[in-house]
Structure formats: C-alpha cells, structure tokens
N, C-alpha and C. Protein backbone atom coordinates (compact mmCIF):
# COMPACT_ATOMS: atom_id res chain seq x y z
N UNK A 1 32.20 -52.56 12.02
CA UNK A 1 31.37 -51.33 11.93
C UNK A 1 30.21 -51.06 11.20
N UNK A 2 30.91 -50.85 9.89
CA UNK A 2 30.23 -50.08 8.51
C UNK A 2 30.99 -50.90 7.63
N UNK A 3 30.02 -51.21 6.48
CA UNK A 3 30.92 -51.73 5.63
C UNK A 3 29.42 -52.12 4.46
N UNK A 4 30.10 -51.19 3.29
CA UNK A 4 29.41 -50.93 1.94
C UNK A 4 29.72 -51.36 1.09
N UNK A 5 29.29 -51.90 0.02
CA UNK A 5 30.14 -52.20 -1.19
C UNK A 5 29.21 -52.32 -2.56
N UNK A 6 29.52 -51.52 -3.51
CA UNK A 6 28.39 -50.93 -4.75
C UNK A 6 27.27 -50.29 -3.83
N UNK A 7 27.03 -49.91 -3.05
CA UNK A 7 26.13 -48.87 -2.08
C UNK A 7 25.07 -48.15 -3.26
N UNK A 8 24.12 -48.47 -3.65
CA UNK A 8 23.35 -47.50 -4.84
C UNK A 8 21.88 -47.21 -3.95
N UNK A 9 21.90 -45.89 -4.02
CA UNK A 9 19.94 -45.54 -3.41
C UNK A 9 19.63 -44.58 -4.57
N UNK A 10 18.58 -44.74 -5.28
CA UNK A 10 17.58 -44.41 -5.75
C UNK A 10 16.25 -43.95 -5.48
N UNK A 11 15.76 -42.53 -6.11
CA UNK A 11 14.54 -41.66 -6.32
C UNK A 11 14.39 -41.86 -7.53
N UNK A 12 12.99 -43.07 -7.91
CA UNK A 12 12.75 -43.18 -9.04
C UNK A 12 13.73 -42.53 -10.02
N UNK A 13 14.17 -41.78 -10.89
CA UNK A 13 15.06 -41.87 -11.98
C UNK A 13 16.46 -41.16 -11.54
N UNK A 14 16.32 -40.72 -10.61
CA UNK A 14 17.83 -39.41 -9.67
C UNK A 14 18.74 -40.86 -8.90
N UNK A 15 19.84 -41.13 -8.87
CA UNK A 15 20.73 -41.88 -8.23
C UNK A 15 21.35 -40.81 -7.36
N UNK A 16 21.41 -40.43 -6.04
CA UNK A 16 21.37 -40.00 -4.96
C UNK A 16 22.62 -40.64 -4.41
N UNK A 17 22.93 -42.28 -3.95
CA UNK A 17 24.07 -42.66 -3.82
C UNK A 17 24.80 -43.48 -5.07
N UNK A 18 25.75 -43.18 -5.39
CA UNK A 18 26.27 -44.22 -7.39
C UNK A 18 26.93 -45.32 -6.64
N UNK A 19 26.82 -46.43 -6.04
CA UNK A 19 27.87 -47.29 -6.48
C UNK A 19 29.02 -47.44 -5.53
N UNK A 20 28.68 -46.85 -3.89
CA UNK A 20 29.79 -46.13 -2.98
C UNK A 20 30.58 -47.08 -2.75
N UNK A 21 31.62 -47.72 -1.99
CA UNK A 21 32.33 -48.41 -1.12
C UNK A 21 32.96 -47.67 -0.21
N UNK A 22 33.06 -48.48 1.05
CA UNK A 22 33.17 -47.99 2.59
C UNK A 22 33.27 -48.89 3.23
N UNK A 23 34.08 -49.11 4.03
CA UNK A 23 35.23 -49.80 5.70
C UNK A 23 35.06 -48.84 6.82
N UNK A 24 34.61 -48.93 7.60
CA UNK A 24 34.92 -48.32 8.73
C UNK A 24 34.73 -49.50 9.91
N UNK A 25 36.02 -48.99 10.76
CA UNK A 25 36.57 -50.17 11.71
C UNK A 25 35.84 -49.41 12.96
N UNK A 26 36.06 -50.33 14.07
CA UNK A 26 36.17 -49.74 15.20
C UNK A 26 37.27 -48.85 15.70
N UNK A 27 36.65 -47.70 16.52
CA UNK A 27 37.70 -47.09 16.86
C UNK A 27 38.06 -45.38 15.57
N UNK A 28 37.77 -46.12 14.37
CA UNK A 28 37.90 -44.93 13.30
C UNK A 28 37.23 -44.05 13.72
N UNK A 29 37.41 -42.72 12.94
CA UNK A 29 36.33 -41.09 12.65
C UNK A 29 36.14 -41.54 10.93
N UNK A 30 35.44 -41.02 10.43
CA UNK A 30 35.12 -41.13 9.06
C UNK A 30 34.21 -40.16 8.40
N UNK A 31 34.69 -39.54 7.59
CA UNK A 31 33.31 -38.46 7.28
C UNK A 31 33.23 -38.15 5.58
N UNK A 32 32.09 -38.27 5.21
CA UNK A 32 31.61 -37.95 3.78
C UNK A 32 31.54 -36.34 3.68
N UNK A 33 32.43 -36.28 2.97
CA UNK A 33 32.79 -34.76 2.17
C UNK A 33 32.21 -34.62 0.47
N UNK A 34 31.37 -33.57 0.54
CA UNK A 34 30.84 -33.14 -0.76
C UNK A 34 30.20 -32.20 -1.16
N UNK A 35 29.59 -31.72 -1.99
CA UNK A 35 28.73 -30.61 -2.08
C UNK A 35 27.48 -31.31 -2.18
N UNK A 36 26.39 -30.00 -1.46
CA UNK A 36 24.96 -30.42 -1.67
C UNK A 36 24.43 -31.35 -3.15
N UNK A 37 23.96 -32.76 -2.10
CA UNK A 37 23.30 -33.46 -3.53
C UNK A 37 23.98 -34.45 -3.68
N UNK A 38 25.16 -34.65 -3.03
CA UNK A 38 26.23 -35.07 -3.73
C UNK A 38 26.02 -36.72 -2.59
N UNK A 39 24.87 -36.86 -1.93
CA UNK A 39 24.14 -38.33 -1.45
C UNK A 39 24.57 -38.64 0.00
N UNK A 40 25.38 -37.61 0.64
CA UNK A 40 25.78 -37.71 2.26
C UNK A 40 24.75 -37.94 3.06
N UNK A 41 23.27 -37.25 2.93
CA UNK A 41 22.61 -37.55 3.76
C UNK A 41 21.99 -38.88 3.35
N UNK A 42 21.86 -39.20 2.35
CA UNK A 42 21.04 -40.41 1.79
C UNK A 42 21.80 -41.38 2.49
N UNK A 43 23.11 -41.82 2.03
CA UNK A 43 24.00 -42.39 2.63
C UNK A 43 24.27 -42.49 4.00
N UNK A 44 23.85 -42.02 4.87
CA UNK A 44 23.81 -41.70 6.36
C UNK A 44 22.22 -42.74 6.92
N UNK A 45 21.37 -42.01 6.32
CA UNK A 45 19.85 -42.37 6.05
C UNK A 45 20.38 -44.41 6.17
N UNK A 46 20.84 -44.58 5.04
CA UNK A 46 20.51 -46.01 4.66
C UNK A 46 21.76 -46.94 6.07
N UNK A 47 22.85 -46.07 6.13
CA UNK A 47 23.86 -46.70 7.68
C UNK A 47 23.04 -46.66 8.39
N UNK A 48 21.65 -45.69 9.09
CA UNK A 48 21.23 -45.81 10.15
C UNK A 48 19.50 -46.29 10.44
N UNK A 49 20.16 -47.46 8.92
CA UNK A 49 18.76 -48.16 8.82
C UNK A 49 17.78 -47.35 8.66
N UNK A 50 17.22 -46.28 7.91
CA UNK A 50 16.37 -45.74 8.14
C UNK A 50 15.49 -45.71 6.74
N UNK A 51 16.66 -45.93 5.58
CA UNK A 51 16.23 -46.12 4.61
C UNK A 51 16.82 -47.30 4.03
N UNK A 52 15.96 -47.87 2.86
CA UNK A 52 16.99 -49.14 2.14
C UNK A 52 17.78 -49.04 1.06
N UNK A 53 18.66 -49.82 0.90
CA UNK A 53 19.64 -49.33 0.07
C UNK A 53 18.76 -50.07 -1.44
N UNK A 54 19.60 -49.40 -2.41
CA UNK A 54 18.07 -49.85 -3.98
C UNK A 54 19.14 -51.16 -4.01
N UNK A 55 20.82 -50.64 -4.14
CA UNK A 55 21.49 -51.86 -4.72
C UNK A 55 22.53 -51.88 -3.58
N UNK A 56 23.79 -53.20 -3.74
CA UNK A 56 24.33 -53.27 -3.08
C UNK A 56 24.71 -54.25 -1.87
N UNK A 57 25.54 -53.98 -0.81
CA UNK A 57 25.60 -54.82 -0.30
C UNK A 57 26.12 -53.23 1.52
N UNK A 58 25.44 -53.44 2.26
CA UNK A 58 25.82 -52.89 4.01
C UNK A 58 25.56 -53.58 4.63
N UNK A 59 26.61 -53.27 5.48
CA UNK A 59 26.48 -54.38 6.47
C UNK A 59 26.69 -52.66 8.14
N UNK A 60 25.99 -52.50 9.19
CA UNK A 60 26.45 -51.85 10.43
C UNK A 60 26.19 -52.71 11.42
N UNK A 61 27.23 -52.74 12.27
CA UNK A 61 27.39 -53.38 13.60
C UNK A 61 26.83 -54.87 13.52
N UNK A 62 27.63 -55.44 11.91
CA UNK A 62 27.76 -56.51 11.75
C UNK A 62 26.36 -56.76 11.50
N UNK A 63 25.72 -56.24 11.01
CA UNK A 63 24.02 -56.68 11.04
C UNK A 63 23.55 -56.15 9.60
N UNK A 64 22.08 -56.31 8.68
CA UNK A 64 21.49 -56.13 7.32
C UNK A 64 20.86 -54.73 8.37
N UNK A 65 21.07 -53.31 7.33
CA UNK A 65 19.77 -52.45 7.88
C UNK A 65 18.16 -53.10 7.27
N UNK A 66 18.27 -53.98 6.40
CA UNK A 66 17.42 -54.02 5.76
C UNK A 66 16.07 -54.96 6.55
N UNK A 67 17.07 -55.86 7.03
CA UNK A 67 16.21 -56.78 8.11
C UNK A 67 16.30 -56.59 9.55
N UNK A 68 17.15 -55.61 10.00
CA UNK A 68 17.77 -55.72 11.27
C UNK A 68 17.42 -54.33 11.52
N UNK A 69 16.61 -53.23 10.96
CA UNK A 69 16.58 -51.76 11.27
C UNK A 69 16.80 -51.78 12.37
N UNK A 70 15.58 -52.51 13.53
CA UNK A 70 15.16 -51.43 15.07
C UNK A 70 16.62 -52.01 15.87
N UNK A 71 17.02 -53.48 15.93
CA UNK A 71 18.09 -54.05 16.35
C UNK A 71 19.59 -52.95 16.37
N UNK A 72 19.54 -52.18 14.90
CA UNK A 72 20.36 -51.29 14.79
C UNK A 72 20.08 -50.07 15.13
N UNK A 73 19.16 -49.51 15.04
CA UNK A 73 18.88 -48.36 16.14
C UNK A 73 19.18 -48.03 17.72
N UNK A 74 19.17 -49.15 17.54
CA UNK A 74 18.66 -49.51 19.59
C UNK A 74 20.70 -49.39 20.36
N UNK A 75 21.14 -49.51 19.11
CA UNK A 75 22.75 -49.30 18.91
C UNK A 75 23.30 -47.84 18.17
N UNK A 76 23.08 -47.31 18.03
CA UNK A 76 23.34 -46.05 17.14
C UNK A 76 22.66 -45.19 17.67
N UNK A 77 23.58 -44.06 17.29
CA UNK A 77 23.05 -42.48 18.40
C UNK A 77 23.27 -41.60 17.05
N UNK A 78 22.20 -40.74 16.36
CA UNK A 78 22.40 -39.96 15.32
C UNK A 78 22.25 -38.54 15.99
N UNK A 79 23.10 -37.83 15.87
CA UNK A 79 23.09 -36.30 15.77
C UNK A 79 22.88 -35.36 14.52
N UNK A 80 21.00 -35.05 14.56
CA UNK A 80 21.17 -34.55 13.34
C UNK A 80 21.34 -32.72 13.70
N UNK A 81 20.81 -32.56 12.20
CA UNK A 81 21.54 -30.66 12.26
C UNK A 81 20.54 -29.97 12.56
N UNK A 82 19.27 -30.25 13.06
CA UNK A 82 17.82 -29.25 13.82
C UNK A 82 18.04 -30.51 15.89
N UNK A 83 17.94 -29.58 16.24
CA UNK A 83 17.73 -29.97 17.75
C UNK A 83 16.09 -30.10 17.35
N UNK A 84 15.36 -30.98 17.64
CA UNK A 84 13.65 -31.55 17.79
C UNK A 84 13.49 -31.89 19.10
N UNK A 85 13.76 -31.49 20.04
CA UNK A 85 12.93 -31.64 21.43
C UNK A 85 11.53 -30.88 21.06
N UNK A 86 10.44 -31.48 21.62
CA UNK A 86 9.41 -31.44 22.02
C UNK A 86 9.43 -29.83 23.12
N UNK A 87 9.09 -29.10 23.32
CA UNK A 87 9.23 -28.03 24.17
C UNK A 87 8.08 -27.49 25.21
N UNK A 88 7.50 -28.39 25.01
CA UNK A 88 6.02 -28.28 25.97
C UNK A 88 6.17 -29.74 26.83
N UNK A 89 7.15 -30.89 26.66
CA UNK A 89 7.39 -31.61 27.34
C UNK A 89 8.91 -31.23 27.90
N UNK A 90 9.18 -32.11 29.47
CA UNK A 90 10.03 -32.30 29.99
C UNK A 90 10.77 -32.61 29.87
N UNK A 91 11.66 -31.85 29.81
CA UNK A 91 13.36 -32.90 29.48
C UNK A 91 13.17 -34.59 29.62
N UNK A 92 12.93 -34.96 30.80
CA UNK A 92 12.81 -36.47 31.28
C UNK A 92 11.54 -37.31 29.78
N UNK A 93 10.93 -36.22 30.22
CA UNK A 93 9.62 -36.94 28.85
C UNK A 93 10.83 -36.81 27.43
N UNK A 94 10.84 -36.00 27.11
CA UNK A 94 11.58 -35.84 26.20
C UNK A 94 12.18 -37.13 25.35
N UNK A 95 12.82 -38.05 26.63
CA UNK A 95 13.83 -38.95 26.19
C UNK A 95 13.34 -40.05 26.78
N UNK A 96 12.46 -40.49 27.73
CA UNK A 96 11.97 -41.27 27.14
C UNK A 96 10.45 -41.70 26.08
N UNK A 97 10.10 -40.33 25.47
CA UNK A 97 9.45 -41.11 24.31
C UNK A 97 10.31 -41.14 23.46
N UNK A 98 11.43 -40.27 23.04
CA UNK A 98 12.61 -40.93 22.13
C UNK A 98 12.77 -42.38 22.25
N UNK A 99 12.81 -42.63 23.81
CA UNK A 99 13.92 -44.17 23.48
C UNK A 99 13.29 -44.98 23.39
N UNK A 100 11.60 -44.89 23.41
CA UNK A 100 10.52 -45.46 22.90
C UNK A 100 10.38 -45.41 21.29
N UNK A 101 11.11 -44.78 20.43
CA UNK A 101 10.97 -45.29 18.89
C UNK A 101 12.01 -46.12 18.76
N UNK A 102 13.03 -46.62 19.60
CA UNK A 102 14.22 -47.44 19.39
C UNK A 102 13.28 -48.86 20.23
N UNK A 103 12.24 -48.64 20.59
CA UNK A 103 11.06 -49.68 21.26
C UNK A 103 12.15 -50.18 21.95
N UNK A 104 12.78 -49.91 23.01
CA UNK A 104 13.27 -49.99 24.37
C UNK A 104 12.10 -49.45 25.28
N UNK A 105 12.24 -50.40 26.39
CA UNK A 105 11.19 -50.58 27.75
C UNK A 105 11.23 -49.90 28.27
N UNK A 106 10.33 -49.26 29.06
CA UNK A 106 9.95 -48.40 29.60
C UNK A 106 10.72 -49.02 30.85
N UNK A 107 10.76 -49.95 31.45
CA UNK A 107 11.60 -50.32 32.64
C UNK A 107 13.32 -50.04 32.14
N UNK A 108 13.63 -50.24 30.99
CA UNK A 108 14.71 -49.63 31.02
C UNK A 108 15.22 -48.94 31.03
N UNK A 109 14.38 -48.04 30.18
CA UNK A 109 14.54 -46.45 29.89
C UNK A 109 15.00 -45.76 31.40
N UNK A 110 13.61 -45.73 32.39
CA UNK A 110 13.76 -44.91 33.22
C UNK A 110 15.53 -44.68 34.11
N UNK A 111 15.89 -46.08 34.50
CA UNK A 111 17.19 -46.05 34.81
C UNK A 111 18.38 -45.39 33.85
N UNK A 112 18.09 -45.62 32.70
CA UNK A 112 18.71 -44.91 31.58
C UNK A 112 18.90 -44.01 31.58
N UNK A 113 17.87 -42.97 31.32
CA UNK A 113 17.21 -41.70 31.78
C UNK A 113 18.23 -40.70 32.44
N UNK A 114 17.86 -41.79 33.66
CA UNK A 114 18.32 -40.83 35.30
C UNK A 114 19.78 -40.47 34.68
N UNK A 115 20.42 -41.59 34.16
CA UNK A 115 21.98 -41.49 34.58
C UNK A 115 22.55 -40.66 32.99
N UNK A 116 21.81 -40.88 32.42
CA UNK A 116 21.96 -39.37 31.15
C UNK A 116 21.95 -38.70 31.77
N UNK A 117 20.63 -38.25 32.50
CA UNK A 117 20.85 -36.65 32.37
C UNK A 117 21.91 -36.25 33.55
N UNK A 118 21.90 -37.14 34.58
CA UNK A 118 23.37 -37.13 35.22
C UNK A 118 24.68 -36.80 34.70
N UNK A 119 25.05 -37.58 33.62
CA UNK A 119 25.68 -37.50 32.82
C UNK A 119 25.92 -35.93 32.31
N UNK A 120 25.05 -35.67 31.66
CA UNK A 120 24.64 -34.70 30.73
C UNK A 120 24.70 -33.15 31.77
N UNK A 121 24.71 -33.15 33.30
CA UNK A 121 24.43 -32.26 34.43
C UNK A 121 23.05 -31.91 34.11
N UNK A 122 21.91 -32.47 33.80
CA UNK A 122 20.49 -31.48 33.22
C UNK A 122 19.54 -32.94 34.70
N UNK A 123 20.48 -33.40 35.56
CA UNK A 123 19.50 -34.00 36.11
C UNK A 123 18.50 -32.90 37.29
N UNK A 124 19.38 -32.18 37.39
CA UNK A 124 18.40 -31.10 38.19
C UNK A 124 16.96 -30.26 37.38
N UNK A 125 17.63 -30.88 36.21
CA UNK A 125 16.18 -29.63 35.40
C UNK A 125 15.33 -31.16 34.49
N UNK A 126 15.47 -32.27 35.15
CA UNK A 126 14.64 -33.24 34.82
C UNK A 126 13.27 -33.16 34.51
N UNK A 127 12.36 -32.86 35.75
CA UNK A 127 10.93 -32.61 35.11
C UNK A 127 10.37 -31.46 34.65
N UNK A 128 11.74 -30.25 33.88
CA UNK A 128 11.43 -29.17 34.02
C UNK A 128 10.77 -28.89 32.68
N UNK A 129 10.44 -28.24 31.89
CA UNK A 129 9.71 -27.99 30.38
C UNK A 129 11.13 -27.64 29.81
N UNK A 130 10.97 -28.08 28.31
CA UNK A 130 12.11 -27.93 27.86
C UNK A 130 11.92 -25.83 27.53
N UNK A 131 10.70 -26.02 27.20
CA UNK A 131 10.88 -23.89 26.74
C UNK A 131 11.85 -23.24 27.44
N UNK A 132 11.64 -23.40 28.89
CA UNK A 132 12.50 -22.17 29.23
C UNK A 132 13.81 -22.48 29.22
N UNK A 133 14.04 -24.00 28.88
CA UNK A 133 15.66 -23.76 29.71
C UNK A 133 16.72 -23.17 28.57
N UNK A 134 17.75 -22.60 29.32
CA UNK A 134 18.64 -21.94 28.20
C UNK A 134 19.02 -22.76 26.92
N UNK A 135 19.34 -21.48 25.52
CA UNK A 135 20.03 -22.48 24.52
C UNK A 135 21.12 -23.76 24.63
N UNK A 136 21.59 -23.40 25.97
CA UNK A 136 23.09 -24.90 26.36
C UNK A 136 22.06 -25.92 26.25
N UNK A 137 21.43 -25.72 27.59
CA UNK A 137 20.72 -26.83 27.88
C UNK A 137 20.36 -27.38 26.88
N UNK A 138 19.48 -26.72 26.09
CA UNK A 138 18.43 -27.03 24.96
C UNK A 138 19.34 -28.21 23.86
N UNK A 139 21.07 -27.52 24.27
CA UNK A 139 21.77 -28.75 23.26
C UNK A 139 22.05 -29.84 23.68
N UNK A 140 22.20 -29.39 25.36
CA UNK A 140 22.50 -30.80 25.79
C UNK A 140 21.83 -31.77 25.88
N UNK A 141 20.28 -31.51 26.24
CA UNK A 141 19.56 -32.48 26.22
C UNK A 141 19.39 -32.95 24.67
N UNK A 142 19.09 -32.12 23.48
CA UNK A 142 19.00 -32.71 22.57
C UNK A 142 20.08 -33.99 22.05
N UNK A 143 21.53 -33.73 22.61
CA UNK A 143 22.68 -34.34 22.01
C UNK A 143 22.77 -35.38 22.79
N UNK A 144 22.35 -35.40 24.06
CA UNK A 144 22.05 -36.42 24.79
C UNK A 144 20.79 -37.66 24.78
N UNK A 145 19.96 -37.18 23.53
CA UNK A 145 19.04 -37.88 23.13
C UNK A 145 19.02 -38.56 21.67
N UNK A 146 19.83 -37.93 21.34
CA UNK A 146 20.40 -38.24 20.23
C UNK A 146 21.55 -39.63 20.58
N UNK A 147 21.94 -39.20 21.33
CA UNK A 147 22.85 -40.71 21.84
C UNK A 147 22.33 -41.83 22.66
N UNK A 148 20.59 -41.30 22.53
CA UNK A 148 19.76 -42.04 23.84
C UNK A 148 20.34 -43.63 23.03
N UNK A 149 20.13 -44.32 21.86
CA UNK A 149 20.38 -45.55 21.57
C UNK A 149 21.64 -46.04 21.95
N UNK A 150 21.72 -47.40 22.47
CA UNK A 150 23.04 -48.10 22.48
C UNK A 150 22.73 -48.90 23.82
N UNK A 151 23.93 -49.44 24.56
CA UNK A 151 24.02 -50.33 24.99
C UNK A 151 22.91 -50.93 26.25
N UNK A 152 22.42 -51.82 26.73
CA UNK A 152 21.93 -51.78 27.97
C UNK A 152 22.40 -51.31 29.24
N UNK A 153 21.40 -50.31 30.12
CA UNK A 153 21.62 -49.62 31.28
C UNK A 153 23.20 -50.74 31.91
N UNK A 154 23.23 -51.76 31.66
CA UNK A 154 24.17 -52.56 32.80
C UNK A 154 25.60 -51.77 31.93
N UNK A 155 25.72 -51.11 30.73
CA UNK A 155 27.00 -50.69 30.40
C UNK A 155 26.79 -49.40 30.14
N UNK A 156 27.87 -48.95 29.55
CA UNK A 156 28.40 -47.25 29.16
C UNK A 156 26.91 -46.66 29.04
N UNK A 157 26.57 -45.71 28.87
CA UNK A 157 25.50 -44.55 29.03
C UNK A 157 25.56 -44.26 27.89
N UNK A 158 26.68 -44.64 26.20
CA UNK A 158 26.61 -44.30 25.39
C UNK A 158 26.59 -45.08 24.14
N UNK A 159 26.37 -44.84 22.94
CA UNK A 159 25.37 -45.98 21.68
C UNK A 159 26.96 -46.91 21.58
N UNK A 160 26.73 -48.29 20.06
CA UNK A 160 27.72 -48.42 19.64
C UNK A 160 28.33 -47.61 18.71
N UNK A 161 27.61 -46.51 17.86
CA UNK A 161 28.13 -45.78 16.98
C UNK A 161 27.83 -44.59 17.17
N UNK A 162 27.89 -43.68 16.58
CA UNK A 162 27.08 -42.13 17.24
C UNK A 162 28.41 -41.51 15.62
N UNK A 163 26.45 -40.98 14.91
CA UNK A 163 26.91 -39.89 13.63
C UNK A 163 26.50 -38.43 14.12
N UNK A 164 27.02 -37.88 13.31
CA UNK A 164 27.33 -37.00 13.23
C UNK A 164 26.44 -35.92 12.18
N UNK A 165 25.37 -35.44 12.15
CA UNK A 165 25.08 -35.03 10.36
C UNK A 165 25.00 -33.59 10.61
N UNK A 166 25.31 -32.78 10.34
CA UNK A 166 26.54 -33.23 9.28
C UNK A 166 27.14 -32.43 10.53
N UNK A 167 28.30 -32.07 9.56
CA UNK A 167 29.79 -32.33 10.79
C UNK A 167 29.67 -30.16 11.27
N UNK A 168 28.88 -29.24 10.99
CA UNK A 168 28.88 -28.38 11.74
C UNK A 168 27.70 -28.09 13.15
N UNK A 169 27.50 -29.72 13.08
CA UNK A 169 27.13 -29.72 14.77
C UNK A 169 28.07 -30.16 14.93
N UNK A 170 28.21 -29.32 16.28
CA UNK A 170 29.67 -29.37 17.18
C UNK A 170 29.40 -30.06 18.43
N UNK A 171 30.10 -30.90 19.26
CA UNK A 171 29.97 -31.81 19.96
C UNK A 171 30.94 -30.97 21.32
N UNK A 172 29.80 -30.20 21.94
CA UNK A 172 30.14 -29.75 23.81
C UNK A 172 31.52 -30.78 24.14
N UNK A 173 32.33 -29.92 25.05
CA UNK A 173 33.25 -30.20 25.64
C UNK A 173 32.54 -31.25 26.85
N UNK A 174 31.73 -31.45 27.35
CA UNK A 174 30.53 -32.24 28.50
C UNK A 174 29.95 -33.92 26.95
N UNK A 175 29.67 -33.09 26.29
CA UNK A 175 29.16 -34.85 25.41
C UNK A 175 30.37 -35.27 24.87
N UNK A 176 31.79 -34.59 25.08
CA UNK A 176 33.11 -35.20 23.90
C UNK A 176 32.96 -37.01 25.17
N UNK A 177 32.83 -36.84 26.03
CA UNK A 177 32.78 -38.32 26.89
C UNK A 177 32.26 -39.09 26.10
N UNK A 178 31.29 -38.45 25.57
CA UNK A 178 30.61 -39.63 25.14
C UNK A 178 31.03 -40.51 24.33
N UNK A 179 31.49 -39.49 23.15
CA UNK A 179 32.18 -39.25 21.72
C UNK A 179 32.80 -40.58 22.02
N UNK A 180 34.15 -40.35 22.97
CA UNK A 180 35.09 -41.23 22.88
C UNK A 180 35.01 -42.23 23.29
N UNK A 181 34.16 -42.64 24.30
CA UNK A 181 33.62 -43.93 24.45
C UNK A 181 32.72 -44.95 23.76
N UNK A 182 32.07 -43.99 22.76
CA UNK A 182 31.47 -44.83 21.57
C UNK A 182 32.83 -44.78 19.77
N UNK A 183 32.08 -45.32 19.28
CA UNK A 183 32.69 -45.40 17.67
C UNK A 183 31.84 -44.32 17.27
N UNK A 184 32.51 -43.97 16.37
CA UNK A 184 32.00 -42.50 15.90
C UNK A 184 32.62 -42.70 14.16
N UNK A 185 31.48 -41.55 13.50
CA UNK A 185 31.12 -41.55 12.46
C UNK A 185 30.67 -40.51 11.83
N UNK A 186 31.38 -39.65 10.76
CA UNK A 186 30.94 -38.35 11.09
C UNK A 186 30.60 -37.73 9.28
N UNK A 187 29.46 -37.33 8.86
CA UNK A 187 29.26 -36.79 7.84
C UNK A 187 29.13 -35.43 7.59
N UNK A 188 29.85 -34.78 6.35
CA UNK A 188 30.28 -33.33 6.08
C UNK A 188 29.22 -32.76 4.62
C-alpha cells in the first residue's frame, strides 16, 4: 500500500523529512508519532500525492505519486484537521465539487453521492445548505467528503486508503464502517 525508502522533503535549507523508511501493507494501521515540526504532515502530503518528495523512493497503492498523482488521489481519502465544507452550498453540492477535484466525472459522481449520503444517514438533507446543520451532521458530511476518493461506484463506497490527519480527528461510530472496509493509516 505504502512504501518509502530514504524519503526526503526539503524546503530550501530546511529538511522537514530526513530519509525515512516505511512500509505499510494492506490491512495494517500505521501511525506517525512525533513533536510539532517532526515532518508528519510533510510525509502525509507526499503520501497523498500533493507534495513531491525531494529525494528517495515512494510508492502509494503501487503507483509513483510524482507521475500518477491524480490516479492516487482518486483512490484515497484524507480527513484533515479542519472541516472545510462550504456552508453556503448544499451537502450534495459540497460532495460534487470535492469529487471534481479528483477529476471524477459528474455522471459517476451523482450515483456515488447518493450512496455516500445514504451511508452517512444524510440522504434526507442532501439539498439542505450546510450552514444550519447540526455540528454532528456537518462532521459526518465532512468525513464523507474526505473519503470521497475511492473506487468506482460499482464497488464499495469506501476508498482504497484512508488517512486521518491528525489522530485527534476521531471517527464517529457511523463512519467506522467505511474505515473497517478500507485500508487505514493514521498520522498523529
């Protein structure tokens, strides 16, 4: 699932990630531990095909993030520290827009969104604006958006790889079904 050898991330003269080696197999849960500034988020950005490594070897789901970033991002879901739903849009429109970030076609997204909303028990709120929703509903919508990347609609509604950033982002009982059926890694 994830293989890194001698992985390095530099920002100018500052080295954020200094030659780490890690291997995470399918079905394993894995965590990065360390103080602020230890390189956990930088490593997660490289694994998520958002920031290219400065040096070293990295494969995610068997692919090279520097050349196959969009394909990797279409198969992963990430739950960042902040929920960033657009409160002026409907719950369904938030999912649609986020899915387009992964270059998923609208014709594929519409049925996927319906399944995702049903899965998270938000189907009856699909057309509602996010702003007036309860905090719990907003968190469910944000989590579902984060696991939006993933397999085509003919398969399970969960991605091949889920990352929780940071560990204090908890997974509510309703979302545990998604995490159980996906591969999981966690940064703390």
